[in-house]
Protein backbone atom coordinates (compact mmCIF):
# COMPACT_ATOMS: atom_id res chain seq x y z
CA MET A 1 144.01 57.53 74.24
CA VAL A 2 147.36 59.25 73.91
CA LYS A 3 145.95 62.51 75.21
CA LEU A 4 144.27 60.74 78.09
CA ALA A 5 147.54 58.93 78.98
CA LEU A 6 149.39 62.28 78.91
CA ARG A 7 146.87 63.90 81.17
CA ARG A 8 147.17 61.00 83.68
CA ASN A 9 150.94 61.26 83.61
CA LEU A 10 150.82 65.02 84.02
CA LEU A 11 148.40 64.75 86.89
CA ALA A 12 150.52 62.03 88.57
CA SER A 13 153.62 64.17 88.12
CA THR A 14 151.77 67.20 89.57
CA ILE A 15 150.79 65.20 92.59
CA ILE A 16 154.34 63.97 93.13
CA ALA A 17 155.73 67.41 92.69
CA GLY A 18 153.27 68.80 95.12
CA ALA A 19 154.16 66.15 97.56
CA LEU A 20 157.85 66.86 97.07
CA ILE A 21 157.21 70.58 97.54
CA SER A 22 155.16 70.10 100.71
CA VAL A 23 157.72 67.99 102.46
CA PRO A 24 160.19 70.83 103.03
CA ALA A 25 157.37 73.05 104.22
CA PHE A 26 156.46 70.37 106.80
CA ALA A 27 160.07 70.06 107.91
CA GLN A 28 160.40 73.81 108.60
CA THR A 29 157.58 73.64 111.16
CA THR A 30 159.57 71.19 113.26
CA PRO A 31 161.97 73.71 114.98
CA ALA A 32 158.94 75.86 115.98
CA ALA A 33 157.55 72.85 117.84
CA ALA A 34 160.91 72.10 119.38
CA SER A 35 161.26 75.70 120.65
CA ASP A 36 158.40 75.16 122.99
CA ALA A 37 160.38 72.53 124.89
CA PRO A 38 162.29 73.72 128.00
CA ALA A 39 165.84 74.80 127.24
CA THR A 40 168.57 72.65 128.76
CA ASP A 41 170.84 74.40 131.35
CA ASP A 42 174.38 73.12 131.83
CA THR A 43 174.87 75.04 135.14
CA ILE A 44 176.02 72.86 138.02
CA VAL A 45 174.65 73.81 141.40
CA VAL A 46 176.85 72.68 144.25
CA THR A 47 174.86 71.98 147.46
CA GLY A 48 177.80 70.52 149.33
CA SER A 49 181.56 70.88 149.11
CA LEU A 50 184.40 68.66 150.01
CA ILE A 51 186.89 71.57 150.04
CA ALA A 52 188.80 71.47 153.37
CA ASN A 53 188.09 74.36 155.67
CA PRO A 54 190.05 74.34 158.95
CA ASN A 55 187.27 76.25 160.69
CA LEU A 56 184.85 73.35 160.07
CA THR A 57 186.98 70.69 161.72
CA SER A 58 189.18 72.65 164.07
CA SER A 59 188.12 73.24 167.62
CA SER A 60 189.96 76.62 167.60
CA PRO A 61 189.06 79.37 165.05
CA VAL A 62 191.64 80.50 162.51
CA ALA A 63 191.52 84.09 161.24
CA ALA A 64 193.34 84.97 158.00
CA VAL A 65 194.28 88.42 156.66
CA GLY A 66 195.04 88.39 152.96
CA GLN A 67 197.21 90.50 150.73
CA GLU A 68 194.36 92.63 149.50
CA GLU A 69 193.54 93.87 153.00
CA LEU A 70 197.24 94.44 153.78
CA GLN A 71 197.50 96.64 150.62
CA LEU A 72 194.22 98.47 151.52
CA ARG A 73 195.17 99.33 155.05
CA GLN A 74 198.81 100.24 154.45
CA VAL A 75 199.78 99.67 158.11
CA GLN A 76 203.04 100.82 159.52
CA VAL A 77 203.71 97.72 161.72
CA ALA A 78 202.18 94.34 161.95
CA GLU A 79 200.57 95.06 165.30
CA GLN A 80 198.14 97.42 163.57
CA VAL A 81 196.64 94.50 161.65
CA LEU A 82 196.35 92.17 164.60
CA ARG A 83 194.44 94.57 166.85
CA GLU A 84 191.45 94.45 164.57
CA ILE A 85 191.01 90.66 164.81
CA PRO A 86 188.44 89.39 167.27
CA GLY A 87 190.02 87.54 170.10
CA VAL A 88 193.13 89.82 170.10
CA VAL A 89 193.54 92.18 173.07
CA PRO A 90 195.70 95.29 172.16
CA GLY A 91 199.14 94.69 173.52
CA THR A 92 201.90 97.28 173.73
CA GLY A 93 201.85 99.21 170.47
CA GLN A 94 201.23 102.49 168.80
CA GLN A 95 197.83 103.19 170.53
CA VAL A 96 198.41 101.16 173.68
CA ASN A 97 201.73 102.33 175.17
CA ASN A 98 201.50 103.64 178.73
CA GLY A 99 205.24 103.40 178.84
CA GLN A 100 206.83 101.27 176.14
CA SER A 101 208.06 97.93 177.33
CA SER A 102 211.37 96.38 176.41
CA ALA A 103 209.55 94.14 173.92
CA GLY A 104 208.27 96.94 171.64
CA SER A 105 205.04 96.15 169.87
CA THR A 106 203.44 93.02 171.09
CA VAL A 107 200.37 90.80 170.49
CA ASN A 108 198.13 89.63 173.29
CA LEU A 109 195.70 86.83 172.36
CA ARG A 110 192.53 86.58 174.51
CA GLY A 111 194.11 88.81 177.16
CA LEU A 112 196.20 86.03 178.55
CA GLY A 113 199.52 87.94 178.12
CA SER A 114 201.91 88.68 175.33
CA ASN A 115 204.18 85.82 176.39
CA ARG A 116 201.36 83.16 176.22
CA ASN A 117 201.34 82.90 172.41
CA ILE A 118 203.78 81.97 169.68
CA VAL A 119 204.74 84.27 166.85
CA LEU A 120 206.08 82.57 163.66
CA ILE A 121 207.38 83.58 160.26
CA ASP A 122 206.68 80.97 157.63
CA GLY A 123 206.19 78.50 160.40
CA MET A 124 209.53 79.25 162.09
CA ARG A 125 209.85 80.69 165.55
CA ILE A 126 211.11 84.27 166.07
CA ALA A 127 213.73 85.06 168.63
CA PRO A 128 212.08 86.79 171.63
CA ALA A 129 212.83 90.32 172.53
CA ASN A 130 213.25 89.65 176.27
CA ALA A 131 213.60 86.87 178.79
CA ASN A 132 209.80 86.57 179.10
CA GLY A 133 209.54 85.17 175.63
CA THR A 134 207.72 88.22 174.13
CA VAL A 135 208.26 88.88 170.43
CA ASP A 136 208.77 92.38 169.07
CA LEU A 137 206.38 92.74 166.12
CA ASN A 138 208.45 95.67 164.85
CA ASN A 139 210.85 93.02 163.42
CA ILE A 140 208.16 91.71 161.03
CA PRO A 141 208.89 92.97 157.46
CA VAL A 142 205.50 94.31 156.50
CA ALA A 143 206.49 94.91 152.86
CA LEU A 144 207.22 91.12 152.48
CA LEU A 145 204.03 89.88 154.00
CA ASP A 146 201.67 87.85 151.80
CA ARG A 147 199.17 87.01 154.54
CA LEU A 148 198.95 86.17 158.17
CA ASP A 149 197.06 83.43 159.98
CA VAL A 150 195.97 83.76 163.56
CA LEU A 151 194.84 80.73 165.69
CA THR A 152 193.01 82.37 168.53
CA GLY A 153 192.68 79.37 170.72
CA GLY A 154 194.76 76.94 172.74
CA ALA A 155 197.39 75.16 170.65
CA SER A 156 199.69 73.85 173.37
CA THR A 157 199.27 70.29 172.16
CA THR A 158 200.86 71.16 168.82
CA TYR A 159 203.21 73.98 169.62
CA GLY A 160 204.05 73.56 173.29
CA ALA A 161 203.12 75.03 176.56
CA ASP A 162 203.81 78.61 175.52
CA ALA A 163 200.96 78.53 172.94
CA VAL A 164 198.24 78.52 175.57
CA SER A 165 196.39 81.50 173.95
CA GLY A 166 197.18 80.76 170.30
CA VAL A 167 199.65 81.15 167.40
CA VAL A 168 200.31 83.97 165.00
CA ASN A 169 201.95 82.98 161.71
CA PHE A 170 203.23 85.61 159.25
CA ILE A 171 203.50 84.24 155.72
CA THR A 172 205.92 86.08 153.47
CA LYS A 173 205.95 86.23 149.69
CA ARG A 174 207.39 83.20 147.94
CA ASP A 175 209.55 83.23 144.74
CA PHE A 176 209.29 87.00 144.41
CA ALA A 177 211.07 88.17 141.25
CA GLY A 178 211.24 91.83 140.24
CA ILE A 179 211.11 95.26 141.92
CA ASN A 180 208.24 96.58 143.99
CA LEU A 181 208.32 100.13 145.24
CA GLN A 182 205.46 101.44 147.37
CA VAL A 183 205.04 104.94 148.98
CA SER A 184 202.15 105.86 151.22
CA GLU A 185 201.37 108.99 153.26
CA GLU A 186 198.53 109.50 155.86
CA ILE A 187 197.24 112.46 157.88
CA THR A 188 194.57 112.84 160.51
CA GLU A 189 191.38 114.84 160.10
CA LYS A 190 192.97 117.56 162.41
CA GLY A 191 195.90 117.99 160.00
CA ASP A 192 198.52 116.41 162.26
CA GLY A 193 199.98 112.98 162.78
CA ASN A 194 201.50 112.78 159.30
CA LYS A 195 202.74 109.23 158.47
CA LEU A 196 205.15 108.50 155.65
CA ARG A 197 206.11 105.00 154.58
CA ALA A 198 208.26 103.83 151.70
CA ASP A 199 209.12 100.18 150.97
CA LEU A 200 211.40 98.76 148.27
CA VAL A 201 211.46 95.01 147.64
CA VAL A 202 213.91 93.41 145.15
CA GLY A 203 213.85 89.73 144.33
CA ALA A 204 215.25 87.32 141.80
CA ASN A 205 215.29 83.58 141.05
CA PHE A 206 218.54 81.79 140.30
CA ASP A 207 219.75 78.35 139.32
CA ASP A 208 216.79 77.69 137.06
CA GLY A 209 214.27 78.48 139.74
CA ARG A 210 215.88 76.30 142.37
CA GLY A 211 216.58 79.27 144.57
CA ASN A 212 215.25 82.76 145.29
CA ALA A 213 216.72 85.84 146.96
CA VAL A 214 214.71 88.76 148.26
CA LEU A 215 215.83 92.08 149.76
CA GLY A 216 213.42 94.46 151.47
CA ILE A 217 214.17 97.96 152.65
CA GLY A 218 211.66 100.13 154.52
CA TYR A 219 211.55 103.66 155.81
CA GLN A 220 209.00 105.09 158.16
CA GLU A 221 208.41 108.53 159.57
CA VAL A 222 205.50 109.31 161.97
CA ASP A 223 204.70 112.65 163.61
CA ALA A 224 203.57 111.91 167.16
CA VAL A 225 200.11 113.00 168.37
CA TYR A 226 199.78 112.90 172.17
CA GLN A 227 196.65 112.31 174.14
CA GLY A 228 196.87 115.88 175.45
CA ASP A 229 196.31 117.09 171.81
CA ARG A 230 192.75 115.93 171.93
CA GLN A 231 190.00 117.11 174.38
CA PHE A 232 188.58 113.67 174.92
CA SER A 233 191.88 112.14 176.03
CA ALA A 234 193.50 114.97 177.81
CA TYR A 235 192.85 113.71 181.34
CA GLY A 236 193.06 110.31 182.89
CA LEU A 237 190.06 109.08 184.87
CA SER A 238 190.48 106.96 187.99
CA LEU A 239 187.50 104.82 188.77
CA ARG A 240 189.14 102.78 191.47
CA GLU A 241 187.92 103.10 194.99
CA VAL A 242 190.53 102.33 197.67
CA ARG A 243 189.66 101.18 201.20
CA ASN A 244 191.87 100.56 204.16
CA ALA A 245 191.98 97.54 206.42
CA ALA A 246 189.08 98.93 208.42
CA GLY A 247 186.94 99.30 205.32
CA VAL A 248 187.11 103.08 205.26
CA VAL A 249 187.18 104.68 201.81
CA THR A 250 190.51 106.43 201.52
CA ASP A 251 190.32 107.14 197.78
CA PRO A 252 186.76 107.48 196.34
CA GLY A 253 188.03 107.46 192.76
CA GLY A 254 186.28 109.28 189.89
CA ARG A 255 188.98 111.96 189.61
CA THR A 256 189.67 113.45 186.21
CA SER A 257 192.82 115.21 187.12
CA GLY A 258 194.93 112.04 186.96
CA SER A 259 194.96 108.42 188.02
CA SER A 260 198.61 107.74 188.78
CA GLY A 261 199.70 107.37 192.38
CA THR A 262 203.05 109.04 191.75
CA PRO A 263 202.08 112.70 191.72
CA VAL A 264 203.59 115.92 192.90
CA PRO A 265 203.26 116.56 195.81
CA THR A 266 204.30 113.09 196.64
CA THR A 267 202.29 110.39 198.43
CA PHE A 268 203.01 107.95 201.25
CA ALA A 269 201.46 104.56 201.71
CA PHE A 270 200.29 103.56 205.19
CA ALA A 271 198.29 100.71 206.44
CA SER A 272 195.34 103.00 206.93
CA GLY A 273 195.58 104.33 203.35
CA ASN A 274 197.57 106.71 201.18
CA LEU A 275 198.44 110.16 202.32
CA GLN A 276 199.62 113.00 200.22
CA VAL A 277 201.54 116.18 201.03
CA ASN A 278 199.21 119.11 200.99
CA PRO A 279 199.84 121.99 198.49
CA ALA A 280 201.65 124.13 201.15
CA GLY A 281 203.99 121.19 202.01
CA THR A 282 203.22 121.41 205.72
CA ALA A 283 201.14 118.31 206.44
CA LEU A 284 199.93 114.94 205.22
CA VAL A 285 196.41 114.83 204.03
CA PRO A 286 194.21 112.15 202.38
CA PHE A 287 195.11 111.44 198.74
CA TYR A 288 193.51 114.17 196.67
CA ASN A 289 195.36 114.65 193.36
CA GLY A 290 196.93 112.05 191.11
CA PHE A 291 199.45 112.55 188.30
CA ASN A 292 197.95 112.95 184.88
CA PHE A 293 200.17 111.06 182.52
CA ASN A 294 197.82 111.35 179.46
CA PRO A 295 199.50 114.40 177.90
CA TYR A 296 202.76 112.43 177.83
CA SER A 297 201.32 109.28 176.20
CA ALA A 298 201.01 108.90 172.45
CA LEU A 299 197.53 108.85 170.87
CA ILE A 300 198.69 107.97 167.31
């Protein structure tokens, strides 16, 4: 009886031990079953944004040029950046200068005139270069620019009647502390038109950050390239057809020798049309040869 009792206890202990051993094996199969479930993804997909964008609510588009583009292009004057923006017609500048005006480099928004827009620095107006209200962009410190915003649309309700075509706002660097020295040099594919630019900007904060002082010094040297130095721009083309009061064509246009009406030999304007002195200087003949001013105009 004692042996039978021992066998029963041993069998019971074996069954309990087997059960205890089998439980961990069953628990190890649980992660395998859980791995078949789809993994959770914490990525948030934004289908709509409440971030304010002026181009979504404004009736006039706003174009912005950031610091990265300014550093990449290494322009000589601010006018070179503006001419690449849609809605800006090239004003008087480096490549558009059939006789420099008294205002220097200008900006012309939507072709309405360089005096029909407002030029600002950090939201403040700039003193115009002449009585017409045109601003000389050569006074803009390119080395201190952080970005520029161009409102290429009517803004007269906000800025006044002289902002019919838009507003250009140059934003300078704020709280600049340190020394920044930049030197760049460019050359054309023809080996001429060398451009050298060097800028030094020094700034510091004072009075525990309550104030900031910045000093910028720039030097530029550009070798002129005239339109006469390139074959495609050596001659001016006149496409204007001139008729007198009777409807007779006095100037058919299409001349490639020059388009200016102030040539040598000289011309005289009459009601019937323009007459020019013949090469011998003995008579007046219909206008035949204009003055070619292209070789005297800068290309770069």
